[in-house]
Amino acid sequence: MTFLFFLKGFVKVVKNKAYFKRYQVKFRRRREGKTDYYARKRLVIQDKNKYNTPKYRMIVRVTNRDIICQIAYARIEGDMIVCAAYAHELPKYGVKVGLTNYAAAYCTGLLLARRLLNRFGMDKIYEGQVEVTGDEYNVESIDGQPGAFTCYLDAGLARTTTGNKVFGALKGAVDGGLSIPHSTKRFPGYDSESKEFNAEVHRKHIMGQNVADYMRYLMEEDEDAYKKQFSQYIKNNVTPDMMEEMYKKAHAAIRENPVYEKKPKKEVKKKRYASYCCLFKRKSLGGVPCFFSSYSDSH
């Protein structure tokens, strides 16, 4: 009996009519590999004693050419986006290159936080951490004022390893004045062996100094590789020594004016296209257009 018990797990599934009749497909976004519903359920479900209060999520997605940061909450009809910021907006604030690195992720998170608080009129109450130190910082509610805006990080399907750019966006949002539960274990500078966090290493990543060091290394070791990999930096005259100052100015510019400016709509002139009748020889017969000359000639 014991032997048969172990063999039971290797019985091949017979895909007969009953199998397909009772088969239930996964959710569409699970089939497409876009949503982790195990994680989403825990991010979306609100405490039952909070009734209609939305549970806000800070959504961070990193693509090949952009970093997307959004504040959203779930409804039956779908997710409602409250505020959004993108890395492709950073050239407006002086960061024209490296729009997908850790420093750009921090800037995008900072832009999202300042834009959201500005929209709710809380930007003067919760300034966040103006001076970048890279160290742990948490926003706390102020007595007699509206509570700090609380949300939870939604990293999607990204691997939440130490140093991931998702956490750069989180750090930017926290320094911008949002209350997001987190620890330093996933920031660059955390050593898993000694269990210690080096804030200076984290600050270097926020200021793009890790990129600057690599630029200097390639300039000395392999100039051709430097010209190939950092062609846009060369084109925009961005040198390793300019990196920190560039990001400092960007942080200040974001805090000064985080509001999204809509581009004016272009006036599109409507084109007049020839009607279908014009493709044929038009002859009228009692006010009715006729398309066949032979028919019209005979009448």
Protein backbone atom coordinates (compact mmCIF):
# COMPACT_ATOMS: atom_id res chain seq x y z
CA MET A 1 0.00 0.00 0.00
CA THR A 2 2.84 2.34 0.83
CA PHE A 3 4.42 1.72 -2.56
CA LEU A 4 1.17 2.54 -4.34
CA PHE A 5 0.80 5.72 -2.27
CA PHE A 6 4.12 7.07 -3.57
CA LEU A 7 3.28 6.17 -7.16
CA LYS A 8 0.00 8.05 -6.97
CA GLY A 9 1.69 11.41 -7.55
CA PHE A 10 3.04 10.32 -10.93
CA VAL A 11 -0.30 9.37 -12.45
CA LYS A 12 -0.75 11.24 -15.73
CA VAL A 13 -3.73 13.60 -15.91
CA VAL A 14 -6.21 12.34 -18.48
CA LYS A 15 -7.39 15.38 -20.43
CA ASN A 16 -10.79 14.08 -21.42
CA LYS A 17 -14.11 15.86 -21.93
CA ALA A 18 -14.75 16.15 -18.18
CA TYR A 19 -11.32 17.76 -17.64
CA PHE A 20 -11.92 20.51 -20.20
CA LYS A 21 -15.55 20.98 -19.16
CA ARG A 22 -14.53 21.79 -15.58
CA TYR A 23 -11.34 23.70 -16.46
CA GLN A 24 -11.16 27.23 -15.07
CA VAL A 25 -8.73 29.67 -16.64
CA LYS A 26 -6.61 32.07 -14.58
CA PHE A 27 -7.28 35.81 -14.60
CA ARG A 28 -6.30 37.46 -17.87
CA ARG A 29 -3.48 39.55 -16.41
CA ARG A 30 -2.11 36.43 -14.67
CA ARG A 31 -2.14 34.55 -17.98
CA GLU A 32 -0.26 37.45 -19.57
CA GLY A 33 2.24 37.48 -16.68
CA LYS A 34 1.46 41.10 -15.77
CA THR A 35 -0.08 40.91 -12.28
CA ASP A 36 0.88 39.05 -9.12
CA TYR A 37 -2.58 38.60 -7.61
CA TYR A 38 -1.18 37.11 -4.39
CA ALA A 39 0.58 40.42 -3.72
CA ARG A 40 -2.19 42.60 -5.17
CA LYS A 41 -4.81 41.13 -2.83
CA ARG A 42 -2.76 42.17 0.19
CA LEU A 43 -2.03 45.63 -1.22
CA VAL A 44 -5.62 46.40 -2.17
CA ILE A 45 -7.81 45.03 0.65
CA GLN A 46 -8.52 47.71 3.24
CA ASP A 47 -9.22 47.14 6.96
CA LYS A 48 -12.95 46.51 7.47
CA ASN A 49 -13.23 49.21 10.15
CA LYS A 50 -12.06 51.92 7.73
CA TYR A 51 -15.16 51.66 5.52
CA ASN A 52 -14.82 53.76 2.36
CA THR A 53 -11.29 55.03 3.03
CA PRO A 54 -9.08 54.24 0.01
CA LYS A 55 -5.90 52.25 0.50
CA TYR A 56 -3.30 54.12 -1.55
CA ARG A 57 -0.45 52.40 -3.38
CA MET A 58 2.73 53.90 -4.75
CA ILE A 59 3.16 52.06 -8.03
CA VAL A 60 6.69 51.99 -9.48
CA ARG A 61 7.45 50.46 -12.87
CA VAL A 62 10.84 50.61 -14.61
CA THR A 63 10.87 50.23 -18.40
CA ASN A 64 13.79 50.30 -20.85
CA ARG A 65 13.57 54.07 -21.34
CA ASP A 66 11.40 55.39 -18.53
CA ILE A 67 10.47 55.16 -14.86
CA ILE A 68 6.77 55.42 -14.00
CA CYS A 69 5.56 56.41 -10.52
CA GLN A 70 1.87 56.62 -9.65
CA ILE A 71 -0.36 56.96 -6.60
CA ALA A 72 -3.48 54.83 -7.05
CA TYR A 73 -6.30 53.15 -5.17
CA ALA A 74 -8.53 50.24 -6.18
CA ARG A 75 -12.20 50.32 -7.07
CA ILE A 76 -14.51 47.69 -8.57
CA GLU A 77 -14.41 49.52 -11.93
CA GLY A 78 -10.60 49.54 -11.87
CA ASP A 79 -7.66 51.37 -10.31
CA MET A 80 -8.04 55.14 -9.93
CA ILE A 81 -4.85 57.14 -10.53
CA VAL A 82 -4.57 60.10 -8.15
CA CYS A 83 -1.19 61.43 -9.29
CA ALA A 84 1.63 60.37 -11.61
CA ALA A 85 5.22 61.35 -12.41
CA TYR A 86 7.57 60.09 -15.11
CA ALA A 87 11.32 60.10 -15.63
CA HIS A 88 10.85 61.62 -19.09
CA GLU A 89 9.77 64.83 -17.31
CA LEU A 90 13.22 65.22 -15.70
CA PRO A 91 14.86 67.10 -18.63
CA LYS A 92 12.58 69.99 -17.65
CA TYR A 93 14.40 70.04 -14.27
CA GLY A 94 17.90 69.78 -15.71
CA VAL A 95 18.48 65.99 -15.84
CA LYS A 96 18.77 65.28 -19.56
CA VAL A 97 20.66 61.96 -19.45
CA GLY A 98 20.53 58.71 -17.51
CA LEU A 99 16.75 58.72 -17.11
CA THR A 100 16.57 55.10 -15.91
CA ASN A 101 19.34 54.95 -13.28
CA TYR A 102 18.98 54.99 -9.48
CA ALA A 103 19.43 58.76 -9.23
CA ALA A 104 16.67 59.32 -11.82
CA ALA A 105 14.39 56.95 -9.88
CA TYR A 106 14.95 59.06 -6.75
CA CYS A 107 14.13 62.27 -8.67
CA THR A 108 10.94 60.73 -10.09
CA GLY A 109 9.80 59.60 -6.63
CA LEU A 110 10.54 63.07 -5.25
CA LEU A 111 8.59 64.69 -8.09
CA LEU A 112 5.61 62.41 -7.42
CA ALA A 113 5.56 63.23 -3.70
CA ARG A 114 5.86 67.00 -4.14
CA ARG A 115 3.25 67.03 -6.93
CA LEU A 116 0.76 65.03 -4.85
CA LEU A 117 1.19 67.13 -1.70
CA ASN A 118 0.94 70.31 -3.78
CA ARG A 119 -2.36 69.09 -5.21
CA PHE A 120 -3.78 68.49 -1.72
CA GLY A 121 -2.34 71.73 -0.30
CA MET A 122 -0.01 69.88 2.09
CA ASP A 123 3.33 70.72 0.48
CA LYS A 124 4.07 73.49 3.01
CA ILE A 125 3.12 71.29 5.98
CA TYR A 126 5.20 68.25 5.01
CA GLU A 127 8.46 69.43 3.46
CA GLY A 128 10.16 66.05 3.87
CA GLN A 129 13.94 65.86 4.01
CA VAL A 130 15.40 68.71 1.97
CA GLU A 131 19.07 67.81 2.42
CA VAL A 132 19.91 64.42 0.93
CA THR A 133 21.81 62.25 3.43
CA GLY A 134 20.83 58.76 2.28
CA ASP A 135 20.03 57.83 5.88
CA GLU A 136 16.73 56.46 7.16
CA TYR A 137 13.92 59.02 7.36
CA ASN A 138 10.24 58.60 8.23
CA VAL A 139 7.45 61.15 7.90
CA GLU A 140 5.33 61.62 11.02
CA SER A 141 1.95 63.33 11.31
CA ILE A 142 1.94 66.84 12.82
CA ASP A 143 -0.52 67.63 15.63
CA GLY A 144 -3.30 70.00 14.62
CA GLN A 145 -2.63 69.44 10.90
CA PRO A 146 -3.91 66.91 8.35
CA GLY A 147 -2.23 63.52 8.83
CA ALA A 148 0.74 62.53 6.67
CA PHE A 149 -0.27 60.97 3.34
CA THR A 150 0.27 57.22 3.78
CA CYS A 151 0.66 54.73 0.94
CA TYR A 152 2.29 51.35 0.33
CA LEU A 153 4.93 50.38 -2.23
CA ASP A 154 3.68 48.34 -5.19
CA ALA A 155 6.76 46.94 -6.95
CA GLY A 156 4.78 44.71 -9.33
CA LEU A 157 6.77 41.76 -10.68
CA ALA A 158 10.17 43.38 -10.07
CA ARG A 159 12.63 41.41 -7.95
CA THR A 160 12.94 43.30 -4.70
CA THR A 161 16.66 42.78 -4.26
CA THR A 162 18.93 45.16 -2.35
CA GLY A 163 19.74 48.18 -4.51
CA ASN A 164 16.79 47.84 -6.89
CA LYS A 165 15.77 51.12 -8.56
CA VAL A 166 12.23 50.67 -7.22
CA PHE A 167 13.59 51.52 -3.77
CA GLY A 168 15.28 54.62 -5.17
CA ALA A 169 11.83 55.91 -6.16
CA LEU A 170 10.53 54.97 -2.70
CA LYS A 171 13.33 56.92 -1.01
CA GLY A 172 12.60 59.94 -3.20
CA ALA A 173 8.90 59.82 -2.26
CA VAL A 174 9.69 59.49 1.47
CA ASP A 175 12.16 62.40 1.33
CA GLY A 176 9.46 64.31 -0.55
CA GLY A 177 7.04 64.02 2.37
CA LEU A 178 5.05 60.79 1.89
CA SER A 179 4.68 58.24 4.67
CA ILE A 180 5.60 54.81 3.24
CA PRO A 181 6.48 51.88 5.53
CA HIS A 182 10.00 50.67 4.69
CA SER A 183 13.37 49.66 6.12
CA THR A 184 16.98 50.25 5.04
CA LYS A 185 17.58 46.58 4.17
CA ARG A 186 16.87 47.11 0.47
CA PHE A 187 18.80 50.35 -0.03
CA PRO A 188 22.30 50.37 -1.58
CA GLY A 189 24.80 50.40 1.26
CA TYR A 190 23.17 47.68 3.34
CA ASP A 191 25.49 44.74 4.10
CA SER A 192 23.58 41.50 4.66
CA GLU A 193 26.52 39.85 6.41
CA SER A 194 27.29 42.53 8.99
CA LYS A 195 23.62 43.70 9.10
CA GLU A 196 24.82 47.31 8.89
CA PHE A 197 23.65 50.15 6.67
CA ASN A 198 26.11 52.67 5.21
CA ALA A 199 24.15 55.85 4.44
CA GLU A 200 27.08 57.42 2.55
CA VAL A 201 26.99 54.65 -0.09
CA HIS A 202 23.27 55.24 -0.50
CA ARG A 203 23.81 58.99 -0.87
CA LYS A 204 26.37 58.36 -3.63
CA HIS A 205 23.78 56.39 -5.60
CA ILE A 206 21.17 59.13 -5.13
CA MET A 207 23.65 61.73 -6.41
CA GLY A 208 24.78 59.55 -9.33
CA GLN A 209 28.32 59.16 -8.00
CA ASN A 210 28.35 55.43 -8.80
CA VAL A 211 27.81 56.35 -12.47
CA ALA A 212 30.45 59.11 -12.25
CA ASP A 213 33.01 56.66 -10.83
CA TYR A 214 32.35 54.22 -13.66
CA MET A 215 32.68 57.03 -16.21
CA ARG A 216 36.10 57.92 -14.79
CA TYR A 217 37.13 54.26 -14.84
CA LEU A 218 36.18 53.83 -18.52
CA MET A 219 37.86 57.10 -19.52
CA GLU A 220 41.16 55.73 -18.19
CA GLU A 221 40.82 52.07 -19.17
CA ASP A 222 38.83 51.98 -22.42
CA GLU A 223 38.03 55.27 -24.13
CA ASP A 224 36.16 53.61 -27.01
CA ALA A 225 33.81 51.87 -24.58
CA TYR A 226 33.32 55.18 -22.77
CA LYS A 227 32.37 56.99 -26.00
CA LYS A 228 29.97 54.19 -26.90
CA GLN A 229 28.26 53.76 -23.52
CA PHE A 230 28.13 57.43 -22.51
CA SER A 231 27.54 59.00 -25.92
CA GLN A 232 24.53 61.00 -24.70
CA TYR A 233 26.51 62.32 -21.72
CA ILE A 234 29.25 63.50 -24.12
CA LYS A 235 26.64 65.03 -26.45
CA ASN A 236 25.07 67.00 -23.56
CA ASN A 237 28.49 67.95 -22.10
CA VAL A 238 27.87 66.09 -18.82
CA THR A 239 31.15 65.20 -17.11
CA PRO A 240 31.63 63.04 -13.98
CA ASP A 241 32.46 66.14 -11.90
CA MET A 242 29.15 67.80 -12.86
CA MET A 243 26.90 64.92 -11.76
CA GLU A 244 26.34 65.79 -8.09
CA GLU A 245 25.65 69.46 -8.79
CA MET A 246 23.24 68.51 -11.60
CA TYR A 247 21.14 66.36 -9.27
CA LYS A 248 21.24 68.93 -6.45
CA LYS A 249 19.82 71.56 -8.81
CA ALA A 250 17.21 69.07 -10.05
CA HIS A 251 16.02 68.35 -6.49
CA ALA A 252 15.72 72.08 -5.78
CA ALA A 253 13.88 72.71 -9.07
CA ILE A 254 11.42 69.87 -8.38
CA ARG A 255 10.62 71.30 -4.94
CA GLU A 256 10.19 74.78 -6.39
CA ASN A 257 7.70 73.80 -9.10
CA PRO A 258 6.44 70.19 -9.18
CA VAL A 259 3.18 71.01 -11.01
CA TYR A 260 2.59 69.29 -14.33
CA GLU A 261 2.09 71.77 -17.15
CA LYS A 262 -0.23 70.67 -19.90
CA LYS A 263 1.06 71.23 -23.40
CA PRO A 264 -1.18 73.40 -25.59
CA LYS A 265 -3.18 71.37 -28.05
CA LYS A 266 -2.08 71.66 -31.64
CA GLU A 267 -4.71 72.87 -34.08
CA VAL A 268 -5.34 70.11 -36.56
CA LYS A 269 -6.75 71.23 -39.89
CA LYS A 270 -9.43 68.88 -41.08
CA LYS A 271 -8.69 67.40 -44.46
CA ARG A 272 -11.43 67.19 -47.05
CA TYR A 273 -11.50 63.86 -48.81
CA ALA A 274 -13.24 63.15 -52.12
CA SER A 275 -16.50 61.26 -51.77
CA TYR A 276 -16.92 57.69 -52.96
CA CYS A 277 -19.04 58.88 -55.88
CA CYS A 278 -16.16 60.83 -57.39
CA LEU A 279 -14.31 57.61 -58.13
CA PHE A 280 -16.85 56.88 -60.86
CA LYS A 281 -18.28 58.83 -63.73
CA ARG A 282 -21.05 60.89 -62.15
CA LYS A 283 -24.25 61.29 -64.11
CA SER A 284 -27.51 62.21 -62.47
CA LEU A 285 -30.79 60.59 -63.24
CA GLY A 286 -33.70 62.44 -61.70
CA GLY A 287 -31.53 63.76 -58.89
CA VAL A 288 -30.15 60.26 -58.07
CA PRO A 289 -26.41 59.76 -58.78
CA CYS A 290 -25.68 56.98 -61.24
CA PHE A 291 -22.34 55.16 -61.25
CA PHE A 292 -22.61 53.21 -64.49
CA SER A 293 -22.44 55.22 -67.69
CA SER A 294 -23.99 52.42 -69.72
CA TYR A 295 -27.06 52.46 -67.47
CA SER A 296 -27.42 56.25 -67.61
CA ASP A 297 -26.83 56.41 -71.37
CA SER A 298 -29.59 53.90 -72.02
CA HIS A 299 -32.08 56.07 -70.13
